[in-house]
Structures are given as structure tokens and as C-alpha cells.
Amino acid sequence: MIEPYYQHAGTTIYHGDCRDILPHLEPVDLVLTDPPYSSGGMTRSDRNLKTSDKYVMTGTDLIRPEFSGDNRDQRSFLLWCELWMRDCLKLAKKGAVLASFIDWRQLPTLTDAVQVAGWVYRGITVWDKTEAARPQKGWFRAQAEFLVLASAGPLEVDRDGISSPGVFRYGITQSEKEHITGKPVKLCFDIIRTTPKFQTILDPFMGSGTTLVAAKQLGREAIGIEIEEAYCAIAVRRLQQEILPLTEVLA
């Protein structure tokens, strides 16, 4: 029996390695997560830098906690993803969906990993980070990240759901970004609200709890796992804050 770090009103957080915790959980409808990409460097020394050195622009004043697990090379990243994705598949209800964020450098590796793990690969959607994304003089702006989609067996399309876009366009709001690689709440909100079938959401790499906050806004149950205790505490604080009404979230 594993003890939650936090549990309240349909939301549960576990502190620890997801591979130790996943075997103890109940079935879920959606795995929505943002694992460490291990893509912030071309050499071994680059990959072993602190995450703040790899992903935070020089001159940024706001300091956020470091996170671990971001120093794998491409082959070990594929193997590691296959392991935790297979663990998630064991929890997935029939037709459940896996949606995992990734960047261009590890996109081919992640699409291989979902298939090796036994999920049915269903393509990708794009997160357009807007023109506020980091510019590159003389080259193309690094403006897009991706969401790899897969299902546990046949995908049963929900005709009562909404027609979600193939491209989500959301800039990063620094005031709500409490993780070095944090995603916008509205982005996760729009993914979850695609279908009412996504009633129980799992995020095995919870970070600062953005997936859980979005799930709470929608009245869905959510489970988060995070290996860094500092981020568990941040997630709890965010969840304990007043949740905006849906009309304001959708504005």
C-alpha cells in the first residue's frame, strides 16, 4: 500500500518514482504527461548540465527548482520511455489515450517508444508557443512542441465530444509557469475537455501540477506522480488555490 502525498476532492498526488507507484494504481482513461525530454544538449557534458542551464534563458530573474532524469542519450531515452509507457498501458482502460509532450529532437524516438510499449500510435498534434518563443537569428524560431497520441487498443471516437484543433496556440504566461518546462493550464485544459470519457487522468511526471489543475477545473479525477518533492509542494499549493470558473478559463 502506498500513501499519497496529497489527496483531496478527487485529486491525488504521489511523491516518488512513477515506476514504483504505477503498479499500485487503479485504471485510468487518459495519461497526459510531460516527461523529461533529455534533449537539451548535443554532447554528454551538455546533457549533464543543470536543467536551469539547459532550459532557462540567460537573464531570467525567476528561479524554479531543478528537476532530474533529463540526462539520457537517445537510446536510453527510448528504453526508459518504453518501460514507463508499458506500466501506464497496464493501467489503461480499453480505448484509453496516452498523450505525451515532446520536442522535435526526441519526437521520432517517442513515437517509436509508444509502439514498442504496446500502445497504438495515433499521430501528433502541435503546440504553437506563439512568436514569443525563443528566436534564432538567421534561422527558424523554435516555436513548436508536439503531443504524441496513442490508444490502448481500438480508439472509440466520442461523437459527443468536441472537435479539438490539430494545433493548439498558447503562449507561455510566466506568472503561471512554476516549472522550468511548465505548460500552460489552458493547453492541458483543452486536451482533457476533448471528450467527457476522460474522467480519470494520470500524469506520471506531474511537475508543478498543471495537468491536475486543468482536470480540477473540469471536475475530473486526477492522479499525479512526481519524483521531486519541491514540485509536489508547489502542486499542492496550486491545487489549494481558488479554481477559476469555466467561463473565465474558456475566455
C-alpha atoms as a PDB file:
ATOM      1  CA  MET A   1       0.000   0.000   0.000  1.00  0.00           C
ATOM      2  CA  ILE A   2       1.418   3.395  -0.977  1.00  0.00           C
ATOM      3  CA  GLU A   3       0.497   6.551   0.895  1.00  0.00           C
ATOM      4  CA  PRO A   4      -0.474   9.685  -1.045  1.00  0.00           C
ATOM      5  CA  TYR A   5       1.477  12.882  -0.573  1.00  0.00           C
ATOM      6  CA  TYR A   6      -1.801  14.762  -1.000  1.00  0.00           C
ATOM      7  CA  GLN A   7      -5.406  13.719  -1.551  1.00  0.00           C
ATOM      8  CA  HIS A   8      -8.498  15.897  -1.757  1.00  0.00           C
ATOM      9  CA  ALA A   9     -11.755  16.038  -3.735  1.00  0.00           C
ATOM     10  CA  GLY A  10     -10.808  13.621  -6.492  1.00  0.00           C
ATOM     11  CA  THR A  11      -7.177  14.711  -6.828  1.00  0.00           C
ATOM     12  CA  THR A  12      -4.267  12.578  -5.591  1.00  0.00           C
ATOM     13  CA  ILE A  13      -0.520  13.232  -5.609  1.00  0.00           C
ATOM     14  CA  TYR A  14       2.194  10.656  -5.004  1.00  0.00           C
ATOM     15  CA  HIS A  15       5.802  11.587  -4.307  1.00  0.00           C
ATOM     16  CA  GLY A  16       8.278   9.142  -5.812  1.00  0.00           C
ATOM     17  CA  ASP A  17       9.444   7.391  -8.965  1.00  0.00           C
ATOM     18  CA  CYS A  18       6.469   6.630 -11.205  1.00  0.00           C
ATOM     19  CA  ARG A  19       7.770   3.134 -11.944  1.00  0.00           C
ATOM     20  CA  ASP A  20       7.488   2.288  -8.249  1.00  0.00           C
ATOM     21  CA  ILE A  21       3.995   3.780  -7.917  1.00  0.00           C
ATOM     22  CA  LEU A  22       2.199   2.945 -11.185  1.00  0.00           C
ATOM     23  CA  PRO A  23       1.714  -0.781 -10.391  1.00  0.00           C
ATOM     24  CA  HIS A  24      -0.394   0.178  -7.360  1.00  0.00           C
ATOM     25  CA  LEU A  25      -2.902   2.446  -9.133  1.00  0.00           C
ATOM     26  CA  GLU A  26      -6.410   1.888 -10.478  1.00  0.00           C
ATOM     27  CA  PRO A  27      -7.379   2.060 -14.203  1.00  0.00           C
ATOM     28  CA  VAL A  28      -7.395   5.444 -15.960  1.00  0.00           C
ATOM     29  CA  ASP A  29      -8.950   6.992 -19.097  1.00  0.00           C
ATOM     30  CA  LEU A  30      -6.172   9.387 -20.101  1.00  0.00           C
ATOM     31  CA  VAL A  31      -2.444   9.586 -19.490  1.00  0.00           C
ATOM     32  CA  LEU A  32      -1.470  13.199 -20.112  1.00  0.00           C
ATOM     33  CA  THR A  33       2.128  13.910 -19.286  1.00  0.00           C
ATOM     34  CA  ASP A  34       5.289  15.878 -19.962  1.00  0.00           C
ATOM     35  CA  PRO A  35       8.326  13.647 -19.282  1.00  0.00           C
ATOM     36  CA  PRO A  36      11.902  14.956 -19.160  1.00  0.00           C
ATOM     37  CA  TYR A  37      12.881  15.250 -22.830  1.00  0.00           C
ATOM     38  CA  SER A  38      16.629  14.653 -22.394  1.00  0.00           C
ATOM     39  CA  SER A  39      17.127  16.859 -25.433  1.00  0.00           C
ATOM     40  CA  GLY A  40      18.756  19.960 -24.005  1.00  0.00           C
ATOM     41  CA  GLY A  41      22.263  19.182 -25.245  1.00  0.00           C
ATOM     42  CA  MET A  42      24.169  17.569 -28.103  1.00  0.00           C
ATOM     43  CA  THR A  43      27.004  16.056 -26.061  1.00  0.00           C
ATOM     44  CA  ARG A  44      27.238  14.097 -22.821  1.00  0.00           C
ATOM     45  CA  SER A  45      28.574  17.135 -20.960  1.00  0.00           C
ATOM     46  CA  ASP A  46      25.714  19.273 -22.309  1.00  0.00           C
ATOM     47  CA  ARG A  47      23.083  16.760 -21.229  1.00  0.00           C
ATOM     48  CA  ASN A  48      24.536  16.587 -17.726  1.00  0.00           C
ATOM     49  CA  LEU A  49      24.208  20.325 -17.132  1.00  0.00           C
ATOM     50  CA  LYS A  50      21.639  21.566 -14.621  1.00  0.00           C
ATOM     51  CA  THR A  51      18.173  21.845 -16.156  1.00  0.00           C
ATOM     52  CA  SER A  52      18.175  25.567 -15.377  1.00  0.00           C
ATOM     53  CA  ASP A  53      21.325  25.944 -17.523  1.00  0.00           C
ATOM     54  CA  LYS A  54      19.778  23.999 -20.401  1.00  0.00           C
ATOM     55  CA  TYR A  55      16.267  25.435 -20.494  1.00  0.00           C
ATOM     56  CA  VAL A  56      16.283  28.877 -18.843  1.00  0.00           C
ATOM     57  CA  MET A  57      17.231  31.916 -20.899  1.00  0.00           C
ATOM     58  CA  THR A  58      20.144  33.986 -19.660  1.00  0.00           C
ATOM     59  CA  GLY A  59      18.990  36.920 -17.586  1.00  0.00           C
ATOM     60  CA  THR A  60      15.807  35.290 -16.296  1.00  0.00           C
ATOM     61  CA  ASP A  61      15.140  36.501 -12.769  1.00  0.00           C
ATOM     62  CA  LEU A  62      12.645  33.874 -11.575  1.00  0.00           C
ATOM     63  CA  ILE A  63      14.330  30.811 -10.070  1.00  0.00           C
ATOM     64  CA  ARG A  64      12.454  27.489 -10.192  1.00  0.00           C
ATOM     65  CA  PRO A  65      13.538  24.144  -8.682  1.00  0.00           C
ATOM     66  CA  GLU A  66      15.753  21.867 -10.770  1.00  0.00           C
ATOM     67  CA  PHE A  67      14.392  18.523 -11.971  1.00  0.00           C
ATOM     68  CA  SER A  68      16.084  15.175 -12.558  1.00  0.00           C
ATOM     69  CA  GLY A  69      16.000  12.495 -15.253  1.00  0.00           C
ATOM     70  CA  ASP A  70      16.944  14.809 -18.118  1.00  0.00           C
ATOM     71  CA  ASN A  71      20.395  13.435 -18.962  1.00  0.00           C
ATOM     72  CA  ARG A  72      19.707  10.280 -21.028  1.00  0.00           C
ATOM     73  CA  ASP A  73      21.096   9.750 -24.506  1.00  0.00           C
ATOM     74  CA  GLN A  74      18.657   8.869 -27.277  1.00  0.00           C
ATOM     75  CA  ARG A  75      18.913   5.092 -26.964  1.00  0.00           C
ATOM     76  CA  SER A  76      18.432   5.036 -23.209  1.00  0.00           C
ATOM     77  CA  PHE A  77      15.615   7.587 -23.543  1.00  0.00           C
ATOM     78  CA  LEU A  78      13.770   5.201 -25.860  1.00  0.00           C
ATOM     79  CA  LEU A  79      14.232   2.271 -23.470  1.00  0.00           C
ATOM     80  CA  TRP A  80      13.174   4.312 -20.439  1.00  0.00           C
ATOM     81  CA  CYS A  81      10.064   5.615 -22.202  1.00  0.00           C
ATOM     82  CA  GLU A  82       9.111   2.105 -23.240  1.00  0.00           C
ATOM     83  CA  LEU A  83       9.286   0.994 -19.594  1.00  0.00           C
ATOM     84  CA  TRP A  84       7.056   3.681 -18.091  1.00  0.00           C
ATOM     85  CA  MET A  85       4.692   3.650 -21.066  1.00  0.00           C
ATOM     86  CA  ARG A  86       4.234  -0.104 -20.663  1.00  0.00           C
ATOM     87  CA  ASP A  87       3.470   0.460 -16.974  1.00  0.00           C
ATOM     88  CA  CYS A  88       0.853   3.031 -17.986  1.00  0.00           C
ATOM     89  CA  LEU A  89      -0.649   0.668 -20.556  1.00  0.00           C
ATOM     90  CA  LYS A  90      -1.306  -1.862 -17.798  1.00  0.00           C
ATOM     91  CA  LEU A  91      -3.442   0.812 -16.090  1.00  0.00           C
ATOM     92  CA  ALA A  92      -5.248   1.938 -19.226  1.00  0.00           C
ATOM     93  CA  LYS A  93      -8.893   1.134 -19.709  1.00  0.00           C
ATOM     94  CA  LYS A  94      -9.888  -0.234 -23.122  1.00  0.00           C
ATOM     95  CA  GLY A  95      -9.592   2.618 -25.597  1.00  0.00           C
ATOM     96  CA  ALA A  96      -7.784   4.888 -23.115  1.00  0.00           C
ATOM     97  CA  VAL A  97      -5.469   7.522 -24.559  1.00  0.00           C
ATOM     98  CA  LEU A  98      -1.826   8.386 -23.982  1.00  0.00           C
ATOM     99  CA  ALA A  99      -0.858  11.981 -24.779  1.00  0.00           C
ATOM    100  CA  SER A 100       2.777  12.895 -24.176  1.00  0.00           C
ATOM    101  CA  PHE A 101       4.538  16.187 -24.855  1.00  0.00           C
ATOM    102  CA  ILE A 102       7.899  16.142 -26.636  1.00  0.00           C
ATOM    103  CA  ASP A 103      10.106  18.391 -28.779  1.00  0.00           C
ATOM    104  CA  TRP A 104      11.427  17.903 -32.314  1.00  0.00           C
ATOM    105  CA  ARG A 105      14.701  16.314 -31.221  1.00  0.00           C
ATOM    106  CA  GLN A 106      13.064  13.365 -29.462  1.00  0.00           C
ATOM    107  CA  LEU A 107       9.840  13.168 -31.474  1.00  0.00           C
ATOM    108  CA  PRO A 108      10.926  10.186 -33.637  1.00  0.00           C
ATOM    109  CA  THR A 109      12.206   8.357 -30.557  1.00  0.00           C
ATOM    110  CA  LEU A 110       8.980   8.871 -28.618  1.00  0.00           C
ATOM    111  CA  THR A 111       6.787   7.688 -31.488  1.00  0.00           C
ATOM    112  CA  ASP A 112       8.899   4.524 -31.601  1.00  0.00           C
ATOM    113  CA  ALA A 113       8.660   4.074 -27.831  1.00  0.00           C
ATOM    114  CA  VAL A 114       4.840   4.199 -27.700  1.00  0.00           C
ATOM    115  CA  GLN A 115       4.654   1.392 -30.251  1.00  0.00           C
ATOM    116  CA  VAL A 116       7.325  -0.737 -28.596  1.00  0.00           C
ATOM    117  CA  ALA A 117       5.403  -0.355 -25.321  1.00  0.00           C
ATOM    118  CA  GLY A 118       2.254  -1.752 -26.937  1.00  0.00           C
ATOM    119  CA  TRP A 119       0.197   1.387 -27.489  1.00  0.00           C
ATOM    120  CA  VAL A 120      -1.400   2.042 -30.885  1.00  0.00           C
ATOM    121  CA  TYR A 121       0.202   5.163 -32.345  1.00  0.00           C
ATOM    122  CA  ARG A 122      -2.441   7.732 -33.357  1.00  0.00           C
ATOM    123  CA  GLY A 123      -0.346  10.627 -34.664  1.00  0.00           C
ATOM    124  CA  ILE A 124       0.619  14.014 -33.248  1.00  0.00           C
ATOM    125  CA  THR A 125      -0.796  17.452 -32.586  1.00  0.00           C
ATOM    126  CA  VAL A 126       1.229  20.653 -32.384  1.00  0.00           C
ATOM    127  CA  TRP A 127       1.614  23.137 -29.569  1.00  0.00           C
ATOM    128  CA  ASP A 128       2.323  26.515 -31.180  1.00  0.00           C
ATOM    129  CA  LYS A 129       4.089  28.533 -28.493  1.00  0.00           C
ATOM    130  CA  THR A 130       3.463  31.753 -30.474  1.00  0.00           C
ATOM    131  CA  GLU A 131       6.027  34.265 -31.676  1.00  0.00           C
ATOM    132  CA  ALA A 132       7.063  34.836 -28.065  1.00  0.00           C
ATOM    133  CA  ALA A 133       9.090  31.602 -28.291  1.00  0.00           C
ATOM    134  CA  ARG A 134      12.860  31.816 -28.268  1.00  0.00           C
ATOM    135  CA  PRO A 135      14.099  33.405 -31.556  1.00  0.00           C
ATOM    136  CA  GLN A 136      17.108  32.225 -33.536  1.00  0.00           C
ATOM    137  CA  LYS A 137      18.738  34.894 -35.704  1.00  0.00           C
ATOM    138  CA  GLY A 138      19.229  33.713 -39.252  1.00  0.00           C
ATOM    139  CA  TRP A 139      17.173  30.594 -38.660  1.00  0.00           C
ATOM    140  CA  PHE A 140      13.640  29.450 -37.862  1.00  0.00           C
ATOM    141  CA  ARG A 141      12.131  30.268 -34.477  1.00  0.00           C
ATOM    142  CA  ALA A 142      11.823  27.273 -32.103  1.00  0.00           C
ATOM    143  CA  GLN A 143       8.082  27.844 -31.865  1.00  0.00           C
ATOM    144  CA  ALA A 144       6.560  24.344 -31.783  1.00  0.00           C
ATOM    145  CA  GLU A 145       6.437  21.373 -29.474  1.00  0.00           C
ATOM    146  CA  PHE A 146       4.396  18.253 -30.054  1.00  0.00           C
ATOM    147  CA  LEU A 147       1.863  15.994 -28.394  1.00  0.00           C
ATOM    148  CA  VAL A 148       2.250  12.315 -29.305  1.00  0.00           C
ATOM    149  CA  LEU A 149      -1.077  10.480 -29.222  1.00  0.00           C
ATOM    150  CA  ALA A 150      -1.724   6.758 -28.776  1.00  0.00           C
ATOM    151  CA  SER A 151      -4.517   4.477 -27.616  1.00  0.00           C
ATOM    152  CA  ALA A 152      -4.870   1.273 -25.638  1.00  0.00           C
ATOM    153  CA  GLY A 153      -6.257  -0.847 -28.451  1.00  0.00           C
ATOM    154  CA  PRO A 154      -9.009   0.424 -30.775  1.00  0.00           C
ATOM    155  CA  LEU A 155      -9.817   4.108 -30.453  1.00  0.00           C
ATOM    156  CA  GLU A 156     -13.503   4.751 -29.905  1.00  0.00           C
ATOM    157  CA  VAL A 157     -14.155   8.299 -31.089  1.00  0.00           C
ATOM    158  CA  ASP A 158     -16.622  10.125 -28.853  1.00  0.00           C
ATOM    159  CA  ARG A 159     -19.313  11.693 -31.034  1.00  0.00           C
ATOM    160  CA  ASP A 160     -20.460  13.694 -28.012  1.00  0.00           C
ATOM    161  CA  GLY A 161     -17.052  15.273 -27.568  1.00  0.00           C
ATOM    162  CA  ILE A 162     -15.731  18.468 -29.118  1.00  0.00           C
ATOM    163  CA  SER A 163     -13.716  18.876 -32.300  1.00  0.00           C
ATOM    164  CA  SER A 164     -10.266  19.615 -30.923  1.00  0.00           C
ATOM    165  CA  PRO A 165      -7.768  21.502 -33.087  1.00  0.00           C
ATOM    166  CA  GLY A 166      -4.740  19.856 -34.626  1.00  0.00           C
ATOM    167  CA  VAL A 167      -2.717  22.864 -33.484  1.00  0.00           C
ATOM    168  CA  PHE A 168      -3.042  24.443 -30.034  1.00  0.00           C
ATOM    169  CA  ARG A 169      -1.804  28.034 -29.979  1.00  0.00           C
ATOM    170  CA  TYR A 170      -0.943  29.248 -26.493  1.00  0.00           C
ATOM    171  CA  GLY A 171       1.882  31.434 -25.310  1.00  0.00           C
ATOM    172  CA  ILE A 172       3.628  30.791 -22.019  1.00  0.00           C
ATOM    173  CA  THR A 173       2.457  33.005 -19.170  1.00  0.00           C
ATOM    174  CA  GLN A 174       5.382  33.416 -16.808  1.00  0.00           C
ATOM    175  CA  SER A 175       3.098  34.164 -13.861  1.00  0.00           C
ATOM    176  CA  GLU A 176       1.556  30.665 -14.040  1.00  0.00           C
ATOM    177  CA  LYS A 177       4.701  28.810 -15.107  1.00  0.00           C
ATOM    178  CA  GLU A 178       6.077  27.265 -11.915  1.00  0.00           C
ATOM    179  CA  HIS A 179       8.224  24.558 -13.509  1.00  0.00           C
ATOM    180  CA  ILE A 180      11.282  25.126 -15.707  1.00  0.00           C
ATOM    181  CA  THR A 181       9.497  23.443 -18.634  1.00  0.00           C
ATOM    182  CA  GLY A 182       5.917  24.090 -17.494  1.00  0.00           C
ATOM    183  CA  LYS A 183       2.997  24.069 -19.943  1.00  0.00           C
ATOM    184  CA  PRO A 184       0.013  26.490 -19.984  1.00  0.00           C
ATOM    185  CA  VAL A 185      -3.008  25.383 -17.950  1.00  0.00           C
ATOM    186  CA  LYS A 186      -5.340  26.228 -20.844  1.00  0.00           C
ATOM    187  CA  LEU A 187      -3.390  23.876 -23.103  1.00  0.00           C
ATOM    188  CA  CYS A 188      -3.895  20.907 -20.768  1.00  0.00           C
ATOM    189  CA  PHE A 189      -7.482  22.024 -20.156  1.00  0.00           C
ATOM    190  CA  ASP A 190      -8.274  21.917 -23.886  1.00  0.00           C
ATOM    191  CA  ILE A 191      -6.730  18.472 -24.265  1.00  0.00           C
ATOM    192  CA  ILE A 192      -8.701  16.995 -21.372  1.00  0.00           C
ATOM    193  CA  ARG A 193     -12.027  18.525 -22.416  1.00  0.00           C
ATOM    194  CA  THR A 194     -11.873  16.871 -25.850  1.00  0.00           C
ATOM    195  CA  THR A 195     -14.195  14.163 -24.542  1.00  0.00           C
ATOM    196  CA  PRO A 196     -16.207  13.512 -21.360  1.00  0.00           C
ATOM    197  CA  LYS A 197     -14.791   9.979 -21.498  1.00  0.00           C
ATOM    198  CA  PHE A 198     -11.580  11.380 -19.968  1.00  0.00           C
ATOM    199  CA  GLN A 199     -12.905  11.136 -16.416  1.00  0.00           C
ATOM    200  CA  THR A 200      -9.759   9.834 -14.694  1.00  0.00           C
ATOM    201  CA  ILE A 201      -6.489  11.453 -15.741  1.00  0.00           C
ATOM    202  CA  LEU A 202      -2.994  10.275 -14.844  1.00  0.00           C
ATOM    203  CA  ASP A 203       0.194  12.344 -15.051  1.00  0.00           C
ATOM    204  CA  PRO A 204       3.252  10.240 -14.086  1.00  0.00           C
ATOM    205  CA  PHE A 205       5.569  13.263 -14.467  1.00  0.00           C
ATOM    206  CA  MET A 206       3.404  15.827 -12.746  1.00  0.00           C
ATOM    207  CA  GLY A 207       5.932  18.626 -12.266  1.00  0.00           C
ATOM    208  CA  SER A 208       4.163  21.636 -10.786  1.00  0.00           C
ATOM    209  CA  GLY A 209       0.731  20.046 -11.242  1.00  0.00           C
ATOM    210  CA  THR A 210      -0.581  21.758 -14.377  1.00  0.00           C
ATOM    211  CA  THR A 211      -2.442  18.648 -15.601  1.00  0.00           C
ATOM    212  CA  LEU A 212      -4.087  18.276 -12.198  1.00  0.00           C
ATOM    213  CA  VAL A 213      -5.119  21.931 -12.071  1.00  0.00           C
ATOM    214  CA  ALA A 214      -6.724  21.633 -15.516  1.00  0.00           C
ATOM    215  CA  ALA A 215      -8.503  18.417 -14.526  1.00  0.00           C
ATOM    216  CA  LYS A 216      -9.828  20.074 -11.390  1.00  0.00           C
ATOM    217  CA  GLN A 217     -11.190  22.974 -13.461  1.00  0.00           C
ATOM    218  CA  LEU A 218     -13.168  20.413 -15.457  1.00  0.00           C
ATOM    219  CA  GLY A 219     -14.366  18.441 -12.440  1.00  0.00           C
ATOM    220  CA  ARG A 220     -12.382  15.342 -13.453  1.00  0.00           C
ATOM    221  CA  GLU A 221     -10.453  12.999 -11.179  1.00  0.00           C
ATOM    222  CA  ALA A 222      -6.677  13.211 -11.464  1.00  0.00           C
ATOM    223  CA  ILE A 223      -3.594  11.385 -10.222  1.00  0.00           C
ATOM    224  CA  GLY A 224      -0.147  12.944 -10.298  1.00  0.00           C
ATOM    225  CA  ILE A 225       3.258  11.414  -9.590  1.00  0.00           C
ATOM    226  CA  GLU A 226       6.379  13.500  -9.089  1.00  0.00           C
ATOM    227  CA  ILE A 227       9.885  12.470  -8.019  1.00  0.00           C
ATOM    228  CA  GLU A 228      10.932  15.968  -6.869  1.00  0.00           C
ATOM    229  CA  GLU A 229       9.335  16.849  -3.537  1.00  0.00           C
ATOM    230  CA  ALA A 230       9.773  20.580  -4.134  1.00  0.00           C
ATOM    231  CA  TYR A 231       7.404  20.313  -7.088  1.00  0.00           C
ATOM    232  CA  CYS A 232       4.939  18.208  -5.103  1.00  0.00           C
ATOM    233  CA  ALA A 233       4.681  21.077  -2.641  1.00  0.00           C
ATOM    234  CA  ILE A 234       4.172  23.600  -5.459  1.00  0.00           C
ATOM    235  CA  ALA A 235       1.428  21.440  -6.978  1.00  0.00           C
ATOM    236  CA  VAL A 236      -0.390  21.190  -3.655  1.00  0.00           C
ATOM    237  CA  ARG A 237      -0.285  24.967  -3.252  1.00  0.00           C
ATOM    238  CA  ARG A 238      -1.701  25.472  -6.753  1.00  0.00           C
ATOM    239  CA  LEU A 239      -4.496  22.964  -6.161  1.00  0.00           C
ATOM    240  CA  GLN A 240      -5.442  24.618  -2.901  1.00  0.00           C
ATOM    241  CA  GLN A 241      -5.871  27.982  -4.605  1.00  0.00           C
ATOM    242  CA  GLU A 242      -9.279  29.037  -5.852  1.00  0.00           C
ATOM    243  CA  ILE A 243     -10.106  27.417  -9.185  1.00  0.00           C
ATOM    244  CA  LEU A 244     -11.398  29.748 -11.895  1.00  0.00           C
ATOM    245  CA  PRO A 245     -14.927  29.174 -13.219  1.00  0.00           C
ATOM    246  CA  LEU A 246     -15.144  27.530 -16.657  1.00  0.00           C
ATOM    247  CA  THR A 247     -16.415  30.712 -18.319  1.00  0.00           C
ATOM    248  CA  GLU A 248     -13.239  32.530 -17.326  1.00  0.00           C
ATOM    249  CA  VAL A 249     -10.966  29.631 -18.249  1.00  0.00           C
ATOM    250  CA  LEU A 250     -12.506  29.428 -21.730  1.00  0.00           C
ATOM    251  CA  ALA A 251     -12.285  33.186 -22.331  1.00  0.00           C
END
